[in-house]
């Protein structure tokens, strides 16, 4: 196992460096970082010179990238265009986004897997058709529409939840967390259902029933465990996706998290903040992929890590 983890970490290094280079190129290489810094008027030459020197914009792009990676290895995500440390800006916002993501993942796992299992064991019946149709409707509706409807129904009409979540408390984040996880709930339920239906036709299921095992034991202990392998893959990688995809949800509910920070940084053309925030998201995504690979062997001992 230790050899497998070391090998996977080594494989993650070029992926991480390549991803950051593409991001750095898109932010600093394909546009003018100074554009819009002084509003509609051109910036003064003194400001341009100081800005260029401070952010190494007078160096070739590759040199800028190497210097940025050097600071990154020291835990320095840089200082944004307003003189604030990006690491500090992210640190005060990450707890909110993590809480939002945990709520979304909890909905995804509890509701998605439960709906998928119930649909799978009742294939072709009313509940199965209900799950398939409802999840298809959720997939077809954009998240900003779901968020707006949730605000209208649960916030304005029923008054159960607050319309905005400016303070970032757990209660305020329940509704936006559910909204963030709705699309993933639909995917998880359909994925669980498809995997369970396929495994119910396997030989080991027929063997278990022939030995006198109850349906609850066959499904709950044996079939469901194998059926969760693709679900674990999706949920693990979806954690990074949800943290990055929280931009729209946090904007709708006015949440002061990583998504809102990225949105404001893009609008303000603050490239350092954008790169720093996405760097952390890439690290989270790669880490979750590693954890998913390790969990494979736990769910199915036939999968080796040699």
Protein backbone atom coordinates (compact mmCIF):
# COMPACT_ATOMS: atom_id res chain seq x y z
CA UNK A 1 0.00 0.00 0.00
CA UNK A 2 2.82 2.41 0.88
CA UNK A 3 4.46 1.79 -2.51
CA UNK A 4 1.15 2.46 -4.26
CA UNK A 5 0.63 5.75 -2.41
CA UNK A 6 4.17 6.92 -3.18
CA UNK A 7 3.74 6.03 -6.85
CA UNK A 8 0.41 7.84 -7.07
CA UNK A 9 1.85 10.95 -5.38
CA UNK A 10 4.73 10.99 -7.86
CA UNK A 11 2.22 10.72 -10.72
CA UNK A 12 0.30 13.67 -9.31
CA UNK A 13 3.30 16.01 -9.44
CA UNK A 14 3.49 16.45 -13.26
CA UNK A 15 -0.32 16.66 -13.41
CA UNK A 16 -0.30 19.43 -10.82
CA UNK A 17 2.54 21.36 -12.48
CA UNK A 18 0.98 21.03 -15.92
CA UNK A 19 -2.44 22.15 -14.71
CA UNK A 20 -1.00 25.19 -12.95
CA UNK A 21 1.03 26.12 -16.04
CA UNK A 22 -2.09 26.04 -18.25
CA UNK A 23 -3.94 28.14 -15.68
CA UNK A 24 -1.06 30.58 -15.32
CA UNK A 25 -0.81 30.87 -19.11
CA UNK A 26 -4.54 31.56 -19.42
CA UNK A 27 -4.51 34.26 -16.75
CA UNK A 28 -1.19 36.02 -17.34
CA UNK A 29 -0.07 34.99 -20.82
CA UNK A 30 -3.16 35.50 -22.94
CA UNK A 31 -4.18 38.94 -21.70
CA UNK A 32 -2.92 42.15 -20.21
CA UNK A 33 -2.86 41.90 -16.38
CA UNK A 34 -2.78 45.70 -16.13
CA UNK A 35 -5.87 46.19 -18.27
CA UNK A 36 -8.68 47.71 -16.24
CA UNK A 37 -6.50 48.37 -13.19
CA UNK A 38 -7.13 52.12 -13.41
CA UNK A 39 -10.70 52.07 -14.65
CA UNK A 40 -11.41 53.43 -18.10
CA UNK A 41 -8.36 55.70 -18.06
CA UNK A 42 -4.85 54.44 -18.84
CA UNK A 43 -2.59 53.86 -15.84
CA UNK A 44 0.22 56.26 -15.03
CA UNK A 45 3.69 55.11 -16.20
CA UNK A 46 4.98 55.04 -12.62
CA UNK A 47 2.18 52.72 -11.52
CA UNK A 48 2.71 50.46 -14.54
CA UNK A 49 6.44 50.21 -13.80
CA UNK A 50 5.91 49.38 -10.12
CA UNK A 51 3.15 46.90 -10.91
CA UNK A 52 5.27 45.20 -13.58
CA UNK A 53 8.27 44.87 -11.28
CA UNK A 54 6.26 43.64 -8.29
CA UNK A 55 4.61 40.82 -10.20
CA UNK A 56 7.58 39.99 -12.48
CA UNK A 57 5.60 40.92 -15.57
CA UNK A 58 8.81 42.11 -17.24
CA UNK A 59 10.12 38.53 -17.22
CA UNK A 60 9.30 35.84 -19.81
CA UNK A 61 6.20 33.83 -19.00
CA UNK A 62 8.16 30.68 -18.22
CA UNK A 63 10.36 32.59 -15.76
CA UNK A 64 7.25 34.05 -14.12
CA UNK A 65 5.83 30.55 -13.78
CA UNK A 66 9.02 29.15 -12.24
CA UNK A 67 9.16 32.01 -9.75
CA UNK A 68 5.53 31.41 -8.84
CA UNK A 69 6.12 27.68 -8.32
CA UNK A 70 9.11 28.53 -6.11
CA UNK A 71 6.90 30.67 -3.87
CA UNK A 72 4.17 28.06 -3.98
CA UNK A 73 6.51 25.38 -2.62
CA UNK A 74 7.09 27.67 0.36
CA UNK A 75 3.35 27.95 0.97
CA UNK A 76 3.15 31.44 -0.51
CA UNK A 77 0.17 31.89 -2.82
CA UNK A 78 1.22 35.45 -3.56
CA UNK A 79 -0.17 38.88 -2.80
CA UNK A 80 -3.13 40.04 -4.83
CA UNK A 81 -3.42 43.33 -6.67
CA UNK A 82 -4.85 45.01 -3.57
CA UNK A 83 -1.97 44.12 -1.26
CA UNK A 84 -3.71 41.25 0.55
CA UNK A 85 -2.14 37.81 0.94
CA UNK A 86 -4.12 35.28 -1.08
CA UNK A 87 -3.48 32.53 1.49
CA UNK A 88 -5.06 34.68 4.20
CA UNK A 89 -8.02 35.56 1.99
CA UNK A 90 -8.62 31.87 1.31
CA UNK A 91 -8.12 30.85 4.94
CA UNK A 92 -10.92 33.06 6.21
CA UNK A 93 -13.29 31.83 3.49
CA UNK A 94 -12.50 28.12 3.28
CA UNK A 95 -14.43 27.06 6.41
CA UNK A 96 -17.62 28.39 4.84
CA UNK A 97 -17.07 26.63 1.53
CA UNK A 98 -16.04 23.40 3.27
CA UNK A 99 -19.24 23.48 5.33
CA UNK A 100 -21.25 24.11 2.17
CA UNK A 101 -19.51 21.20 0.42
CA UNK A 102 -20.04 18.83 3.36
CA UNK A 103 -23.76 19.59 3.32
CA UNK A 104 -23.89 19.00 -0.43
CA UNK A 105 -21.95 15.72 -0.15
CA UNK A 106 -24.17 14.56 2.72
CA UNK A 107 -27.28 15.15 0.59
CA UNK A 108 -25.56 13.48 -2.33
CA UNK A 109 -24.70 10.34 -0.36
CA UNK A 110 -27.80 9.98 1.81
CA UNK A 111 -30.47 10.95 -0.72
CA UNK A 112 -28.70 9.81 -3.88
CA UNK A 113 -27.67 6.33 -2.71
CA UNK A 114 -30.99 5.70 -0.94
CA UNK A 115 -33.01 6.68 -4.02
CA UNK A 116 -30.72 4.64 -6.28
CA UNK A 117 -31.01 1.51 -4.11
CA UNK A 118 -34.79 1.76 -3.83
CA UNK A 119 -35.08 2.27 -7.60
CA UNK A 120 -32.68 -0.59 -8.34
CA UNK A 121 -34.43 -3.22 -6.24
CA UNK A 122 -37.79 -2.13 -7.68
CA UNK A 123 -36.72 -1.95 -11.31
CA UNK A 124 -39.57 -1.17 -13.68
CA UNK A 125 -42.02 -0.24 -10.91
CA UNK A 126 -43.50 3.11 -9.98
CA UNK A 127 -40.69 4.15 -7.61
CA UNK A 128 -38.05 3.32 -10.21
CA UNK A 129 -39.80 5.39 -12.87
CA UNK A 130 -40.32 8.23 -10.39
CA UNK A 131 -36.60 8.36 -9.56
CA UNK A 132 -35.58 8.23 -13.23
CA UNK A 133 -37.98 10.99 -14.28
CA UNK A 134 -37.30 13.28 -11.32
CA UNK A 135 -33.51 12.98 -11.64
CA UNK A 136 -33.74 13.66 -15.36
CA UNK A 137 -35.67 16.85 -14.62
CA UNK A 138 -33.04 17.94 -12.08
CA UNK A 139 -30.22 17.31 -14.56
CA UNK A 140 -32.02 19.34 -17.23
CA UNK A 141 -32.53 22.41 -15.02
CA UNK A 142 -29.54 24.77 -14.48
CA UNK A 143 -28.38 25.22 -10.90
CA UNK A 144 -29.08 28.96 -10.91
CA UNK A 145 -32.73 28.22 -11.71
CA UNK A 146 -32.94 25.67 -8.89
CA UNK A 147 -31.28 28.13 -6.52
CA UNK A 148 -33.66 30.95 -7.43
CA UNK A 149 -36.71 28.69 -7.06
CA UNK A 150 -35.42 27.44 -3.70
CA UNK A 151 -35.03 31.02 -2.50
CA UNK A 152 -38.55 31.88 -3.65
CA UNK A 153 -40.26 28.81 -2.19
CA UNK A 154 -38.34 28.06 1.02
CA UNK A 155 -37.11 31.58 1.73
CA UNK A 156 -39.80 34.02 0.59
CA UNK A 157 -43.03 32.00 0.53
CA UNK A 158 -42.53 29.52 3.38
CA UNK A 159 -39.92 31.46 5.35
CA UNK A 160 -38.15 28.28 6.49
CA UNK A 161 -34.66 29.31 5.45
CA UNK A 162 -33.03 32.73 5.00
CA UNK A 163 -32.80 34.01 1.44
CA UNK A 164 -29.12 34.93 1.82
CA UNK A 165 -26.29 33.41 3.84
CA UNK A 166 -24.03 36.36 4.55
CA UNK A 167 -22.97 35.14 8.00
CA UNK A 168 -22.20 31.60 6.84
CA UNK A 169 -23.80 29.79 9.80
CA UNK A 170 -24.76 26.13 9.49
CA UNK A 171 -28.47 26.92 9.41
CA UNK A 172 -28.00 29.55 6.70
CA UNK A 173 -25.94 27.12 4.59
CA UNK A 174 -28.46 24.25 4.65
CA UNK A 175 -30.52 25.49 1.72
CA UNK A 176 -27.59 26.54 -0.52
CA UNK A 177 -25.82 23.28 0.38
CA UNK A 178 -28.82 21.30 -0.81
CA UNK A 179 -29.02 23.40 -3.97
CA UNK A 180 -25.32 22.83 -4.63
CA UNK A 181 -25.77 19.07 -4.29
CA UNK A 182 -28.98 18.65 -6.30
CA UNK A 183 -27.26 17.84 -9.58
CA UNK A 184 -24.91 15.40 -7.87
CA UNK A 185 -27.83 13.74 -6.07
CA UNK A 186 -29.40 13.04 -9.44
CA UNK A 187 -26.20 11.57 -10.86
CA UNK A 188 -25.49 9.45 -7.78
CA UNK A 189 -29.01 8.01 -7.68
CA UNK A 190 -28.92 7.06 -11.36
CA UNK A 191 -25.39 5.67 -11.05
CA UNK A 192 -26.28 3.62 -7.96
CA UNK A 193 -29.40 2.31 -9.61
CA UNK A 194 -27.60 1.25 -12.81
CA UNK A 195 -24.74 -0.39 -10.92
CA UNK A 196 -27.07 -2.22 -8.53
CA UNK A 197 -29.27 -3.53 -11.34
CA UNK A 198 -26.20 -4.84 -13.15
CA UNK A 199 -24.79 -6.55 -10.05
CA UNK A 200 -28.12 -8.15 -9.19
CA UNK A 201 -27.72 -10.24 -12.35
CA UNK A 202 -24.30 -11.53 -11.26
CA UNK A 203 -23.53 -15.16 -10.51
CA UNK A 204 -22.61 -14.52 -6.88
CA UNK A 205 -26.10 -13.13 -6.25
CA UNK A 206 -27.74 -16.28 -7.59
CA UNK A 207 -25.31 -18.39 -5.57
CA UNK A 208 -26.10 -16.47 -2.40
CA UNK A 209 -29.83 -16.89 -2.88
CA UNK A 210 -29.35 -20.61 -3.63
CA UNK A 211 -27.54 -20.96 -0.28
CA UNK A 212 -30.57 -19.53 1.48
CA UNK A 213 -29.33 -15.99 2.16
CA UNK A 214 -32.04 -13.39 2.59
CA UNK A 215 -32.46 -10.60 0.04
CA UNK A 216 -31.48 -8.05 2.69
CA UNK A 217 -28.13 -9.78 3.25
CA UNK A 218 -27.48 -10.41 -0.44
CA UNK A 219 -28.22 -6.81 -1.37
CA UNK A 220 -27.04 -4.99 1.73
CA UNK A 221 -23.80 -6.87 2.32
CA UNK A 222 -22.64 -8.21 -1.01
CA UNK A 223 -24.34 -6.51 -3.96
CA UNK A 224 -24.42 -2.96 -2.59
CA UNK A 225 -20.75 -3.09 -1.62
CA UNK A 226 -19.68 -3.83 -5.19
CA UNK A 227 -22.23 -1.40 -6.60
CA UNK A 228 -20.77 1.47 -4.60
CA UNK A 229 -17.37 1.34 -6.35
CA UNK A 230 -18.36 3.66 -9.24
CA UNK A 231 -20.36 5.78 -6.78
CA UNK A 232 -17.30 6.27 -4.56
CA UNK A 233 -15.35 7.32 -7.64
CA UNK A 234 -17.94 9.93 -8.52
CA UNK A 235 -18.39 11.25 -4.98
CA UNK A 236 -14.65 11.46 -4.36
CA UNK A 237 -13.92 13.47 -7.49
CA UNK A 238 -17.11 15.46 -7.00
CA UNK A 239 -15.81 17.01 -3.78
CA UNK A 240 -13.29 19.08 -5.72
CA UNK A 241 -15.90 19.80 -8.38
CA UNK A 242 -18.41 21.03 -5.80
CA UNK A 243 -15.87 23.32 -4.15
CA UNK A 244 -15.08 24.85 -7.53
CA UNK A 245 -18.68 24.79 -8.71
CA UNK A 246 -19.83 26.68 -5.63
CA UNK A 247 -19.20 29.92 -7.57
CA UNK A 248 -22.78 30.07 -8.87
CA UNK A 249 -24.42 28.91 -5.64
CA UNK A 250 -22.41 31.28 -3.46
CA UNK A 251 -23.23 34.12 -5.81
CA UNK A 252 -26.98 33.38 -5.65
CA UNK A 253 -27.07 33.19 -1.85
CA UNK A 254 -24.45 35.92 -1.30
CA UNK A 255 -22.09 33.56 0.57
CA UNK A 256 -18.63 34.84 1.44
CA UNK A 257 -16.77 31.68 0.45
CA UNK A 258 -14.20 30.52 -2.09
CA UNK A 259 -16.71 30.60 -4.94
CA UNK A 260 -17.68 34.19 -4.22
CA UNK A 261 -14.01 35.09 -3.85
CA UNK A 262 -13.21 33.64 -7.29
CA UNK A 263 -16.20 35.42 -8.82
CA UNK A 264 -15.14 38.80 -7.44
CA UNK A 265 -11.51 38.21 -8.39
CA UNK A 266 -12.49 37.47 -11.99
CA UNK A 267 -14.63 40.61 -12.15
CA UNK A 268 -11.81 42.69 -10.68
CA UNK A 269 -9.25 41.11 -13.04
CA UNK A 270 -7.25 39.97 -10.01
CA UNK A 271 -5.26 37.19 -11.65
CA UNK A 272 -3.13 36.36 -8.60
CA UNK A 273 -6.21 35.60 -6.51
CA UNK A 274 -7.78 33.52 -9.27
CA UNK A 275 -4.65 31.42 -9.73
CA UNK A 276 -4.14 30.99 -5.99
CA UNK A 277 -7.72 29.87 -5.37
CA UNK A 278 -7.71 27.41 -8.25
CA UNK A 279 -4.32 26.00 -7.14
CA UNK A 280 -5.89 24.96 -3.84
CA UNK A 281 -8.88 23.46 -5.65
CA UNK A 282 -6.54 21.43 -7.87
CA UNK A 283 -4.74 20.10 -4.79
CA UNK A 284 -8.05 19.09 -3.21
CA UNK A 285 -9.13 17.37 -6.43
CA UNK A 286 -5.90 15.38 -6.73
CA UNK A 287 -6.00 14.41 -3.05
CA UNK A 288 -9.55 13.13 -3.37
CA UNK A 289 -8.54 11.05 -6.39
CA UNK A 290 -5.82 9.45 -4.28
CA UNK A 291 -8.27 8.68 -1.46
CA UNK A 292 -10.71 7.15 -3.96
CA UNK A 293 -8.02 4.85 -5.33
CA UNK A 294 -7.22 3.68 -1.80
CA UNK A 295 -10.89 3.04 -1.03
CA UNK A 296 -11.18 0.75 -4.05
CA UNK A 297 -9.30 -1.97 -2.20
CA UNK A 298 -11.52 -1.53 0.86
CA UNK A 299 -14.75 -1.97 -1.09
CA UNK A 300 -13.47 -4.78 -3.32
CA UNK A 301 -10.47 -6.84 -2.08
CA UNK A 302 -10.03 -8.18 -5.61
CA UNK A 303 -8.68 -4.78 -6.62
CA UNK A 304 -5.01 -4.76 -5.74
CA UNK A 305 -2.63 -1.86 -5.20
CA UNK A 306 0.48 -3.65 -6.28
